[in-house]
Amino acid sequence: MRKTITVTFIILVCCTNLKSQEQEAIWLHGYNDNITFWQHYTEHFDNTRQLSNWRIQYRRDGFNNITNEVAPFINGRSSFTGPVFVVGHSMGGLISRRFSNINTQSVRGVITVATPNQGAPITENIINGSFSATTDNAIRILMDGPSRDIGGLFFASGVQGIFGQLGNALDPLPGIEKNFWFSLGSIASSVYGLAAMLNPVFNQNASGFATGFVLAQYMAVLRDFEEANLSSQSFQDMRPNGHEINELNNSSESNPTITILAEENDLTPFRIASSSIERPQERPFEDVDDTQMIDLRNAVKDIYSTARVTNDALKFINLLFYNQYHDRARAWRRGQDYIEDQFEADYNRLIGATRTENISGSYNTMTCEEGFNEWESLEEIPPSITTGNCTFQTVTWTGTTTINEPSDGLVPLSMQMIEGLPADRVYIAREVNHLEVANHPNITARFNDIWDRREGDPFRVAPR
């Protein structure tokens, strides 16, 4: 990913706002992000707290390289004003902790926000191929209905390849570009809705047009996203139980540390997708809207539902093609069901919010001879003893259980935790997805809770 602003440039910009005798905070952005991520909060707390705030954008790849890149600036600020706060979002939180452990004297306190402190399961699922297999399966299910219609067949065979080539020329997770393609898909969906209302028969071609358009560009973006991440050392460093994560968690925190957990409420993949299209830091301060992709999801779901109903009706109108329309209706229904339920379930498995864990246990059994009064003898005969009347045995068992837990749309809540951190240094921001951390009233409230801690607390920052 291209980085264009250097630390030297940041110093020239930020030094003009430096106020003497104030505390300082260095704000680090996350993986594949940039210096604009924290802009709302650095400006807000410049104006509301006795705190001078700095943002750093780094160009290097890998935890070790990034830590070495930010060290001269942070150590320089510390030597000038005293120990500083280091605040990090996502991967930036891991860099904050790593820097603090190495440069203890430079840090007053560390705040991690929506940080995969135990690693990000999505990294493992991209590396091992689960991500690719799941998205391929999703595309097959969702394209099955449209591809059985004339318009859908055209787009399944042609537009998919066109957008795949176009996607190769785009950066991973592009904001403007992706917004453009989704907007075109939304327009196509609207055209479909009008056409279906005026002429139900035309529904077949129009629905194939709309869904094929959206799905083709979506697949191209996913492929670019996957390829870009696999080549990144920073991405590899975030693997759960990887060397960097284990090394970080096997070391005790060298300075006072607080973590803010982010938890989204529902439809998390669609909410975080909305925030990736229109980035929260680009919206006015505390202006939140993560529903764009939810609206698109509902529109596409309606497309599938209408197409299913239309095909179910057509099979009785034209009995000569009963089987053809019946198969089409079933294909559209599978797509509708996937959008309504299975898509979110698959997504949660990929990010580790839904997972299968092995469980085991044991219980005691007692087998007695006929006529033996077991109730009178249970207290007298301990387990694991064989008598002339009863045999006691311990039976062990193994199995699996499905764990479902909240997430911020990218990192499960448990993976954001720092083991051993006192409860009063763990805060939670609800209804906030991983990207909304940059600009959300609930995040503002949690930071204010931290700065308002009791007198003498290392994290207390007086109001301006």
Protein backbone atom coordinates (compact mmCIF):
# COMPACT_ATOMS: atom_id res chain seq x y z
CA MET A 1 0.00 0.00 0.00
CA ARG A 2 1.39 3.42 -0.91
CA LYS A 3 2.42 5.71 1.95
CA THR A 4 3.07 9.31 1.04
CA ILE A 5 3.44 11.22 4.31
CA THR A 6 6.60 10.77 6.33
CA VAL A 7 7.22 11.17 10.03
CA THR A 8 9.32 14.26 9.29
CA PHE A 9 6.35 15.90 7.61
CA ILE A 10 4.13 15.12 10.60
CA ILE A 11 6.60 16.81 12.93
CA LEU A 12 6.53 19.98 10.85
CA VAL A 13 2.73 20.03 10.86
CA CYS A 14 2.11 19.08 14.48
CA CYS A 15 4.84 21.06 16.18
CA THR A 16 2.93 24.30 15.60
CA ASN A 17 0.21 23.05 17.97
CA LEU A 18 2.55 22.01 20.76
CA LYS A 19 1.60 23.48 24.14
CA SER A 20 4.06 23.47 27.00
CA GLN A 21 3.53 21.52 30.24
CA GLU A 22 0.85 19.37 28.57
CA GLN A 23 0.91 15.61 28.27
CA GLU A 24 1.34 14.10 24.83
CA ALA A 25 -0.25 11.20 22.97
CA ILE A 26 1.02 9.39 19.87
CA TRP A 27 -1.77 7.79 17.82
CA LEU A 28 -0.92 4.76 15.65
CA HIS A 29 -3.21 3.54 12.86
CA GLY A 30 -3.96 -0.08 12.02
CA TYR A 31 -3.00 -2.48 9.27
CA ASN A 32 -3.54 -1.25 5.71
CA ASP A 33 -4.73 2.13 6.99
CA ASN A 34 -3.18 5.60 7.06
CA ILE A 35 -2.56 8.80 8.97
CA THR A 36 -6.15 10.05 8.55
CA PHE A 37 -7.63 7.31 10.74
CA TRP A 38 -7.31 9.15 14.08
CA GLN A 39 -7.76 12.69 12.74
CA HIS A 40 -11.08 13.35 14.51
CA TYR A 41 -9.77 12.35 17.92
CA THR A 42 -6.43 14.11 17.72
CA GLU A 43 -8.25 17.33 16.82
CA HIS A 44 -11.02 16.78 19.38
CA PHE A 45 -8.70 16.13 22.31
CA ASP A 46 -6.39 18.94 21.27
CA ASN A 47 -9.37 21.21 21.91
CA THR A 48 -10.99 19.52 24.93
CA ARG A 49 -8.09 18.08 26.98
CA GLN A 50 -4.71 19.31 28.14
CA LEU A 51 -3.17 16.93 25.67
CA SER A 52 -1.01 17.46 22.58
CA ASN A 53 -1.70 14.79 19.98
CA TRP A 54 0.43 13.42 17.16
CA ARG A 55 -0.33 10.97 14.37
CA ILE A 56 2.26 8.84 12.61
CA GLN A 57 2.00 7.08 9.28
CA TYR A 58 4.48 4.30 8.67
CA ARG A 59 5.73 2.89 5.41
CA ARG A 60 7.53 -0.27 6.52
CA ASP A 61 6.10 -3.78 6.73
CA GLY A 62 6.28 -6.17 9.70
CA PHE A 63 6.02 -5.52 13.45
CA ASN A 64 9.77 -5.26 14.00
CA ASN A 65 10.30 -2.87 11.09
CA ILE A 66 7.37 -0.64 12.04
CA THR A 67 8.48 -0.49 15.69
CA ASN A 68 11.94 0.61 14.56
CA GLU A 69 10.39 3.17 12.23
CA VAL A 70 8.25 4.91 14.89
CA ALA A 71 10.81 4.62 17.72
CA PRO A 72 12.94 7.70 16.88
CA PHE A 73 9.91 10.00 16.77
CA ILE A 74 8.26 8.68 19.96
CA ASN A 75 11.53 8.60 21.89
CA GLY A 76 12.27 12.10 20.64
CA ARG A 77 8.96 13.44 21.92
CA SER A 78 9.47 11.64 25.24
CA SER A 79 12.93 13.13 25.76
CA PHE A 80 11.47 16.59 25.12
CA THR A 81 8.24 16.45 27.20
CA GLY A 82 8.48 13.29 29.30
CA PRO A 83 6.79 9.88 28.85
CA VAL A 84 3.90 9.90 26.38
CA PHE A 85 0.69 7.97 25.84
CA VAL A 86 0.74 5.59 22.89
CA VAL A 87 -2.73 4.85 21.46
CA GLY A 88 -3.13 2.20 18.79
CA HIS A 89 -6.01 0.90 16.70
CA SER A 90 -5.97 -2.74 15.57
CA MET A 91 -2.39 -3.60 14.54
CA GLY A 92 -1.38 -0.18 15.86
CA GLY A 93 -2.28 -1.42 19.33
CA LEU A 94 0.12 -4.34 18.92
CA ILE A 95 2.86 -1.95 17.80
CA SER A 96 2.08 0.25 20.83
CA ARG A 97 2.52 -2.66 23.23
CA ARG A 98 5.67 -3.85 21.49
CA PHE A 99 7.23 -0.39 21.52
CA SER A 100 6.33 0.08 25.20
CA ASN A 101 7.99 -3.20 26.20
CA ILE A 102 11.21 -2.19 24.45
CA ASN A 103 11.22 1.53 25.32
CA THR A 104 9.80 1.48 28.83
CA GLN A 105 11.04 4.91 29.90
CA SER A 106 9.40 6.67 26.94
CA VAL A 107 5.83 5.56 27.64
CA ARG A 108 3.40 6.87 30.25
CA GLY A 109 0.62 4.47 29.25
CA VAL A 110 -0.65 2.31 26.40
CA ILE A 111 -4.24 2.26 25.07
CA THR A 112 -5.20 -0.42 22.57
CA VAL A 113 -8.49 -0.07 20.68
CA ALA A 114 -10.18 -2.94 18.80
CA THR A 115 -6.78 -4.63 18.77
CA PRO A 116 -6.28 -8.36 18.01
CA ASN A 117 -4.19 -8.81 21.15
CA GLN A 118 -4.47 -12.60 20.86
CA GLY A 119 -4.12 -12.53 17.08
CA ALA A 120 -6.64 -12.17 14.25
CA PRO A 121 -8.21 -15.51 13.19
CA ILE A 122 -9.04 -14.11 9.75
CA THR A 123 -5.30 -14.12 8.96
CA GLU A 124 -5.07 -17.87 9.56
CA ASN A 125 -8.17 -18.54 7.47
CA ILE A 126 -6.80 -16.56 4.54
CA ILE A 127 -3.42 -18.30 4.78
CA ASN A 128 -4.86 -21.83 5.00
CA GLY A 129 -7.28 -21.32 2.10
CA SER A 130 -10.54 -21.31 4.09
CA PHE A 131 -11.26 -17.74 3.04
CA SER A 132 -10.87 -18.56 -0.64
CA ALA A 133 -12.94 -21.75 -0.39
CA THR A 134 -15.75 -20.00 1.48
CA THR A 135 -15.96 -17.05 -0.90
CA ASP A 136 -15.83 -19.33 -3.94
CA ASN A 137 -18.72 -21.35 -2.52
CA ALA A 138 -20.67 -18.17 -1.81
CA ILE A 139 -20.20 -16.92 -5.36
CA ARG A 140 -21.38 -20.26 -6.78
CA ILE A 141 -24.53 -20.23 -4.65
CA LEU A 142 -25.34 -16.61 -5.35
CA MET A 143 -24.67 -16.85 -9.09
CA ASP A 144 -26.68 -20.05 -9.56
CA GLY A 145 -30.04 -18.29 -9.89
CA PRO A 146 -28.90 -15.42 -12.12
CA SER A 147 -26.82 -17.72 -14.33
CA ARG A 148 -29.94 -19.74 -15.22
CA ASP A 149 -31.42 -16.63 -16.85
CA ILE A 150 -30.25 -15.03 -20.10
CA GLY A 151 -28.98 -11.83 -18.51
CA GLY A 152 -27.40 -13.68 -15.61
CA LEU A 153 -25.68 -16.15 -17.93
CA PHE A 154 -24.12 -13.28 -19.87
CA PHE A 155 -22.79 -11.64 -16.75
CA ALA A 156 -21.64 -14.88 -15.14
CA SER A 157 -19.47 -15.67 -18.15
CA GLY A 158 -18.39 -12.20 -19.30
CA VAL A 159 -18.62 -9.49 -16.66
CA GLN A 160 -16.95 -11.69 -14.04
CA GLY A 161 -13.82 -11.84 -16.19
CA ILE A 162 -13.96 -8.14 -17.07
CA PHE A 163 -14.19 -7.03 -13.46
CA GLY A 164 -11.60 -9.58 -12.43
CA GLN A 165 -9.11 -7.90 -14.78
CA LEU A 166 -10.18 -4.45 -13.64
CA GLY A 167 -9.74 -5.47 -10.02
CA ASN A 168 -6.11 -6.32 -10.69
CA ALA A 169 -5.43 -2.66 -11.41
CA LEU A 170 -6.97 -1.49 -8.11
CA ASP A 171 -5.49 -1.32 -4.62
CA PRO A 172 -6.89 -3.84 -2.10
CA LEU A 173 -10.08 -2.64 -0.45
CA PRO A 174 -10.22 0.59 -2.51
CA GLY A 175 -12.57 3.17 -1.06
CA ILE A 176 -13.60 5.32 -4.04
CA GLU A 177 -13.33 2.52 -6.58
CA LYS A 178 -15.37 0.09 -4.52
CA ASN A 179 -17.98 2.73 -3.81
CA PHE A 180 -18.25 3.35 -7.55
CA TRP A 181 -18.87 -0.30 -8.37
CA PHE A 182 -21.36 -0.77 -5.57
CA SER A 183 -23.17 2.38 -6.67
CA LEU A 184 -23.48 0.99 -10.19
CA GLY A 185 -24.74 -2.28 -8.72
CA SER A 186 -27.31 -0.36 -6.68
CA ILE A 187 -28.47 1.52 -9.78
CA ALA A 188 -28.77 -1.78 -11.65
CA SER A 189 -30.83 -3.17 -8.77
CA SER A 190 -33.13 -0.14 -8.89
CA VAL A 191 -33.57 -0.55 -12.65
CA TYR A 192 -34.41 -4.19 -12.04
CA GLY A 193 -37.05 -3.27 -9.46
CA LEU A 194 -38.82 -0.92 -11.86
CA ALA A 195 -38.60 -3.41 -14.74
CA ALA A 196 -39.94 -6.25 -12.60
CA MET A 197 -42.83 -4.11 -11.45
CA LEU A 198 -43.79 -3.10 -15.01
CA ASN A 199 -43.20 -6.47 -16.63
CA PRO A 200 -42.84 -9.55 -14.38
CA VAL A 201 -41.57 -11.68 -17.27
CA PHE A 202 -38.65 -9.26 -17.81
CA ASN A 203 -37.79 -9.96 -14.18
CA GLN A 204 -35.59 -12.87 -15.22
CA ASN A 205 -33.19 -10.86 -17.34
CA ALA A 206 -33.20 -7.77 -15.11
CA SER A 207 -32.48 -9.71 -11.92
CA GLY A 208 -29.61 -11.53 -13.58
CA PHE A 209 -28.24 -8.17 -14.70
CA ALA A 210 -28.37 -6.60 -11.23
CA THR A 211 -27.04 -9.47 -9.16
CA GLY A 212 -24.39 -10.43 -11.70
CA PHE A 213 -23.12 -6.87 -11.74
CA VAL A 214 -22.77 -6.67 -7.96
CA LEU A 215 -21.34 -10.14 -7.44
CA ALA A 216 -18.74 -9.91 -10.20
CA GLN A 217 -17.10 -6.77 -8.81
CA TYR A 218 -17.35 -8.16 -5.26
CA MET A 219 -15.38 -11.25 -6.23
CA ALA A 220 -12.70 -9.15 -7.92
CA VAL A 221 -12.22 -7.06 -4.78
CA LEU A 222 -12.01 -10.19 -2.61
CA ARG A 223 -9.30 -11.70 -4.80
CA ASP A 224 -7.22 -8.53 -4.69
CA PHE A 225 -7.68 -8.37 -0.93
CA GLU A 226 -6.48 -11.93 -0.47
CA GLU A 227 -3.41 -11.61 -2.70
CA ALA A 228 -2.28 -8.32 -1.13
CA ASN A 229 -2.52 -9.68 2.40
CA LEU A 230 -0.64 -12.91 1.75
CA SER A 231 2.38 -10.91 0.63
CA SER A 232 2.42 -8.70 3.76
CA GLN A 233 4.69 -9.47 6.73
CA SER A 234 2.50 -7.36 9.03
CA PHE A 235 -0.44 -9.55 8.07
CA GLN A 236 1.56 -12.70 8.80
CA ASP A 237 2.62 -11.25 12.17
CA MET A 238 -1.01 -11.06 13.32
CA ARG A 239 -1.58 -14.83 13.15
CA PRO A 240 -2.94 -16.30 16.41
CA ASN A 241 -0.19 -18.26 18.17
CA GLY A 242 2.32 -16.88 15.70
CA HIS A 243 5.81 -15.89 16.84
CA GLU A 244 5.10 -12.16 17.18
CA ILE A 245 1.77 -12.59 19.01
CA ASN A 246 3.19 -15.22 21.38
CA GLU A 247 6.29 -13.15 22.10
CA LEU A 248 4.13 -10.13 22.91
CA ASN A 249 1.75 -12.04 25.19
CA ASN A 250 4.52 -13.95 26.96
CA SER A 251 5.97 -10.63 28.11
CA SER A 252 4.34 -8.74 30.97
CA GLU A 253 3.14 -5.23 30.18
CA SER A 254 6.02 -2.87 31.00
CA ASN A 255 3.77 0.20 31.44
CA PRO A 256 0.17 0.85 32.52
CA THR A 257 -2.10 -0.50 29.80
CA ILE A 258 -5.77 -0.06 28.98
CA THR A 259 -7.75 -1.78 26.26
CA ILE A 260 -10.99 -0.64 24.64
CA LEU A 261 -12.95 -3.55 23.20
CA ALA A 262 -15.23 -2.85 20.24
CA GLU A 263 -18.44 -4.86 19.81
CA GLU A 264 -20.89 -4.58 16.92
CA ASN A 265 -24.48 -5.61 17.53
CA ASP A 266 -25.80 -7.39 14.42
CA LEU A 267 -25.28 -7.87 10.66
CA THR A 268 -21.60 -7.25 11.32
CA PRO A 269 -20.22 -8.13 7.85
CA PHE A 270 -22.57 -5.66 6.20
CA ARG A 271 -21.89 -2.92 8.73
CA ILE A 272 -18.12 -3.15 8.43
CA ALA A 273 -18.47 -3.31 4.63
CA SER A 274 -20.48 -0.08 4.78
CA SER A 275 -17.72 1.55 6.83
CA SER A 276 -15.08 0.39 4.36
CA ILE A 277 -16.91 2.12 1.50
CA GLU A 278 -17.46 5.43 3.26
CA ARG A 279 -14.73 5.61 5.88
CA PRO A 280 -15.91 6.97 9.27
CA GLN A 281 -12.98 9.41 9.50
CA GLU A 282 -14.26 11.07 6.32
CA ARG A 283 -17.67 11.79 7.87
CA PRO A 284 -18.37 14.70 10.26
CA PHE A 285 -17.35 14.11 13.88
CA GLU A 286 -19.60 11.54 15.59
CA ASP A 287 -21.81 11.25 12.49
CA VAL A 288 -22.40 7.50 12.21
CA ASP A 289 -23.97 5.56 9.35
CA ASP A 290 -23.08 1.93 8.69
CA THR A 291 -26.26 0.88 6.88
CA GLN A 292 -25.36 1.35 3.21
CA MET A 293 -24.49 -2.31 2.66
CA ILE A 294 -27.42 -3.44 4.80
CA ASP A 295 -29.72 -1.56 2.43
CA LEU A 296 -27.99 -3.14 -0.56
CA ARG A 297 -28.19 -6.58 1.07
CA ASN A 298 -31.94 -6.15 1.58
CA ALA A 299 -32.38 -4.95 -2.01
CA VAL A 300 -30.50 -7.95 -3.41
CA LYS A 301 -32.41 -10.28 -1.10
CA ASP A 302 -35.65 -8.85 -2.53
CA ILE A 303 -34.31 -9.51 -6.02
CA TYR A 304 -33.81 -13.18 -5.19
CA SER A 305 -37.18 -13.43 -3.48
CA THR A 306 -39.05 -11.84 -6.41
CA ALA A 307 -37.20 -14.00 -8.93
CA ARG A 308 -38.08 -17.14 -6.95
CA VAL A 309 -41.76 -16.20 -6.75
CA THR A 310 -41.85 -15.33 -10.45
CA ASN A 311 -40.33 -18.66 -11.48
CA ASP A 312 -42.69 -20.54 -9.19
CA ALA A 313 -45.60 -18.81 -10.96
CA LEU A 314 -44.20 -19.30 -14.46
CA LYS A 315 -43.89 -23.05 -14.04
CA PHE A 316 -47.70 -23.28 -13.73
CA ILE A 317 -48.35 -20.79 -16.53
CA ASN A 318 -46.13 -22.63 -19.00
CA LEU A 319 -46.27 -26.31 -18.09
CA LEU A 320 -44.02 -27.25 -21.01
CA PHE A 321 -41.12 -25.68 -19.11
CA TYR A 322 -42.26 -26.70 -15.64
CA ASN A 323 -38.98 -28.38 -14.67
CA GLN A 324 -36.87 -25.51 -15.99
CA TYR A 325 -38.78 -22.90 -13.99
CA HIS A 326 -38.87 -25.17 -10.94
CA ASP A 327 -35.08 -25.54 -10.99
CA ARG A 328 -34.67 -21.80 -11.44
CA ALA A 329 -36.94 -21.11 -8.47
CA ARG A 330 -34.93 -23.50 -6.28
CA ALA A 331 -31.65 -21.85 -7.34
CA TRP A 332 -32.98 -18.41 -6.49
CA ARG A 333 -34.26 -19.73 -3.17
CA ARG A 334 -30.82 -21.11 -2.26
CA GLY A 335 -29.35 -17.69 -2.96
CA GLN A 336 -32.04 -15.98 -0.90
CA ASP A 337 -31.42 -18.31 2.05
CA TYR A 338 -27.66 -17.72 1.80
CA ILE A 339 -28.09 -13.94 1.91
CA GLU A 340 -30.53 -14.11 4.83
CA ASP A 341 -28.64 -16.54 7.07
CA GLN A 342 -25.63 -18.44 5.77
CA PHE A 343 -23.56 -15.49 4.57
CA GLU A 344 -23.22 -14.00 8.05
CA ALA A 345 -22.60 -17.45 9.56
CA ASP A 346 -19.79 -18.13 7.08
CA TYR A 347 -18.30 -14.71 7.70
CA ASN A 348 -18.33 -15.19 11.47
CA ARG A 349 -16.51 -18.48 11.05
CA LEU A 350 -13.81 -16.82 8.96
CA ILE A 351 -13.15 -14.09 11.55
CA GLY A 352 -13.25 -16.62 14.40
CA ALA A 353 -16.42 -15.35 16.08
CA THR A 354 -18.03 -18.74 15.42
CA ARG A 355 -15.77 -21.73 15.97
CA THR A 356 -15.83 -25.39 16.96
CA GLU A 357 -13.91 -26.45 20.06
CA ASN A 358 -13.17 -29.90 21.46
CA ILE A 359 -14.68 -30.70 24.85
CA SER A 360 -14.32 -33.68 27.18
CA GLY A 361 -15.54 -34.87 30.57
CA SER A 362 -16.24 -37.87 32.72
CA TYR A 363 -18.97 -39.38 34.86
CA ASN A 364 -19.31 -42.36 37.21
CA THR A 365 -21.55 -45.37 36.59
CA MET A 366 -22.60 -48.18 38.91
CA THR A 367 -23.71 -51.67 37.90
CA CYS A 368 -25.22 -53.86 40.65
CA GLU A 369 -26.34 -57.47 40.92
CA GLU A 370 -30.03 -58.16 40.81
CA GLY A 371 -31.72 -57.61 44.14
CA PHE A 372 -28.96 -55.43 45.62
CA ASN A 373 -30.28 -52.37 47.45
CA GLU A 374 -27.96 -49.72 46.00
CA TRP A 375 -29.51 -46.80 47.88
CA GLU A 376 -28.53 -48.23 51.27
CA SER A 377 -24.96 -48.97 50.18
CA LEU A 378 -23.97 -45.90 48.08
CA GLU A 379 -22.59 -44.00 51.05
CA GLU A 380 -20.62 -47.02 52.27
CA ILE A 381 -18.95 -48.09 49.03
CA PRO A 382 -16.62 -45.46 47.44
CA PRO A 383 -16.27 -45.18 43.63
CA SER A 384 -13.82 -47.32 41.66
CA ILE A 385 -14.33 -50.28 44.00
CA THR A 386 -15.66 -53.65 42.87
CA THR A 387 -17.62 -55.68 45.45
CA GLY A 388 -19.69 -58.77 45.25
CA ASN A 389 -22.73 -56.59 44.73
CA CYS A 390 -21.75 -53.57 42.57
CA THR A 391 -19.08 -52.38 40.14
CA PHE A 392 -18.21 -48.68 39.96
CA GLN A 393 -16.65 -47.25 36.77
CA THR A 394 -15.53 -43.83 35.54
CA VAL A 395 -16.52 -43.18 31.93
CA THR A 396 -14.76 -40.46 29.91
CA TRP A 397 -16.24 -38.80 26.86
CA THR A 398 -15.14 -36.38 24.12
CA GLY A 399 -17.08 -34.20 21.72
CA THR A 400 -17.28 -30.79 20.09
CA THR A 401 -19.24 -27.64 20.80
CA THR A 402 -19.92 -24.53 18.73
CA ILE A 403 -18.86 -21.23 20.27
CA ASN A 404 -20.55 -18.02 19.15
CA GLU A 405 -19.24 -14.74 20.51
CA PRO A 406 -19.57 -11.03 19.70
CA SER A 407 -17.04 -9.25 17.49
CA ASP A 408 -16.35 -5.85 16.00
CA GLY A 409 -16.88 -7.33 12.54
CA LEU A 410 -13.25 -8.36 12.21
CA VAL A 411 -11.86 -9.43 15.60
CA PRO A 412 -13.81 -11.53 18.16
CA LEU A 413 -14.16 -10.01 21.61
CA SER A 414 -12.01 -12.67 23.29
CA MET A 415 -9.18 -12.04 20.83
CA GLN A 416 -9.17 -8.34 21.74
CA MET A 417 -8.50 -9.11 25.41
CA ILE A 418 -5.10 -8.79 27.09
CA GLU A 419 -4.65 -11.63 29.55
CA GLY A 420 -4.12 -10.55 33.14
CA LEU A 421 -5.31 -6.98 32.62
CA PRO A 422 -7.27 -5.69 35.67
CA ALA A 423 -11.01 -5.30 35.10
CA ASP A 424 -10.89 -1.55 35.70
CA ARG A 425 -8.54 -1.19 32.73
CA VAL A 426 -10.87 -2.92 30.28
CA TYR A 427 -13.51 -0.76 28.59
CA ILE A 428 -16.07 -1.78 25.99
CA ALA A 429 -17.60 0.30 23.22
CA ARG A 430 -20.82 -1.30 22.02
CA GLU A 431 -22.45 -0.95 18.59
CA VAL A 432 -19.05 -0.05 17.12
CA ASN A 433 -17.46 -1.96 14.26
CA HIS A 434 -13.73 -2.28 13.66
CA LEU A 435 -13.55 0.76 11.35
CA GLU A 436 -16.03 2.94 13.25
CA VAL A 437 -13.43 3.17 16.02
CA ALA A 438 -12.14 6.18 14.05
CA ASN A 439 -15.31 8.19 14.66
CA HIS A 440 -18.11 7.06 16.96
CA PRO A 441 -19.85 8.63 20.02
CA ASN A 442 -19.30 5.46 22.05
CA ILE A 443 -15.55 5.58 21.38
CA THR A 444 -15.46 9.26 22.35
CA ALA A 445 -17.23 8.35 25.59
CA ARG A 446 -14.74 5.60 26.41
CA PHE A 447 -11.75 7.89 25.85
CA ASN A 448 -13.34 10.49 28.10
CA ASP A 449 -13.87 7.79 30.74
CA ILE A 450 -10.15 7.03 30.54
CA TRP A 451 -8.99 10.66 30.68
CA ASP A 452 -11.40 11.24 33.63
CA ARG A 453 -9.95 8.52 35.83
CA ARG A 454 -9.28 9.44 39.45
CA GLU A 455 -6.61 11.90 40.52
CA GLY A 456 -3.14 10.37 40.51
CA ASP A 457 -4.04 7.75 37.88
CA PRO A 458 -1.43 7.70 35.10
CA PHE A 459 -4.15 7.96 32.45
CA ARG A 460 -5.88 11.02 33.86
CA VAL A 461 -5.82 14.06 31.56
CA ALA A 462 -7.44 17.26 32.80
CA PRO A 463 -10.03 19.06 30.67
CA ARG A 464 -8.92 22.18 28.88
